[in-house]
């Protein structure tokens, strides 16, 4: 079985000329069932190594790209 994780970033709604969010991005990762646990462990490890002022529980593209 394959798992597909899908997420989006940016949302201009009906304002396609919104300078704050000019792009709407959709991304997906497909992972085999037997690799999900390893992927989760690796992402948890990477999050634990990130320099933040608060615990990372979810990755947000805006925060990642803007430090």
Protein backbone atom coordinates (compact mmCIF):
# COMPACT_ATOMS: atom_id res chain seq x y z
CA UNK A 1 0.00 0.00 0.00
CA UNK A 2 1.10 3.56 -0.69
CA UNK A 3 0.37 6.59 1.48
CA UNK A 4 0.05 9.99 -0.15
CA UNK A 5 0.61 13.11 1.95
CA UNK A 6 -0.69 16.28 0.28
CA UNK A 7 -0.35 19.85 1.47
CA UNK A 8 -0.77 23.32 0.09
CA UNK A 9 0.74 26.72 0.74
CA UNK A 10 -0.57 30.12 -0.14
CA UNK A 11 -4.16 30.90 -0.81
CA UNK A 12 -5.22 34.00 -2.65
CA UNK A 13 -8.86 33.00 -2.74
CA UNK A 14 -10.56 35.13 -5.36
CA UNK A 15 -7.81 37.79 -5.26
CA UNK A 16 -5.42 36.45 -7.86
CA UNK A 17 -3.46 39.73 -7.75
CA UNK A 18 -2.74 39.47 -3.99
CA UNK A 19 0.94 40.55 -3.61
CA UNK A 20 1.21 38.85 -0.19
CA UNK A 21 0.43 35.40 -1.56
CA UNK A 22 1.07 35.49 -5.31
CA UNK A 23 1.53 31.72 -5.62
CA UNK A 24 -0.61 28.76 -4.59
CA UNK A 25 1.57 25.67 -4.30
CA UNK A 26 0.41 22.08 -3.91
CA UNK A 27 2.89 19.31 -3.11
CA UNK A 28 2.63 15.60 -2.44
CA UNK A 29 4.85 12.84 -1.12
CA UNK A 30 4.06 9.20 -1.78
CA UNK A 31 5.52 6.71 0.71
CA UNK A 32 5.36 2.94 0.83
CA UNK A 33 3.56 1.59 3.88
CA UNK A 34 6.69 -0.14 5.18
CA UNK A 35 8.61 3.17 5.10
CA UNK A 36 6.13 5.42 6.93
CA UNK A 37 7.56 4.75 10.39
CA UNK A 38 11.13 5.45 9.22
CA UNK A 39 10.03 8.64 7.48
CA UNK A 40 8.24 9.80 10.65
CA UNK A 41 11.29 9.06 12.79
CA UNK A 42 13.54 10.94 10.37
CA UNK A 43 11.24 13.97 10.22
CA UNK A 44 10.99 14.01 14.03
CA UNK A 45 14.78 13.91 14.24
CA UNK A 46 15.15 16.76 11.73
CA UNK A 47 12.57 18.81 13.63
CA UNK A 48 14.42 18.23 16.90
CA UNK A 49 17.60 19.62 15.33
CA UNK A 50 15.90 22.80 14.09
CA UNK A 51 16.72 26.00 15.92
CA UNK A 52 13.37 27.31 17.12
CA UNK A 53 11.91 29.09 20.10
CA UNK A 54 9.04 26.63 20.35
CA UNK A 55 8.52 22.91 19.63
CA UNK A 56 8.03 22.11 15.95
CA UNK A 57 4.93 20.01 15.49
CA UNK A 58 4.14 20.91 11.90
CA UNK A 59 6.26 22.13 9.03
CA UNK A 60 5.00 25.33 7.40
CA UNK A 61 6.56 26.45 4.14
CA UNK A 62 6.24 30.16 4.98
CA UNK A 63 8.15 29.77 8.23
CA UNK A 64 10.75 27.50 6.63
CA UNK A 65 11.44 29.92 3.78
CA UNK A 66 11.45 33.01 5.98
CA UNK A 67 13.56 31.68 8.88
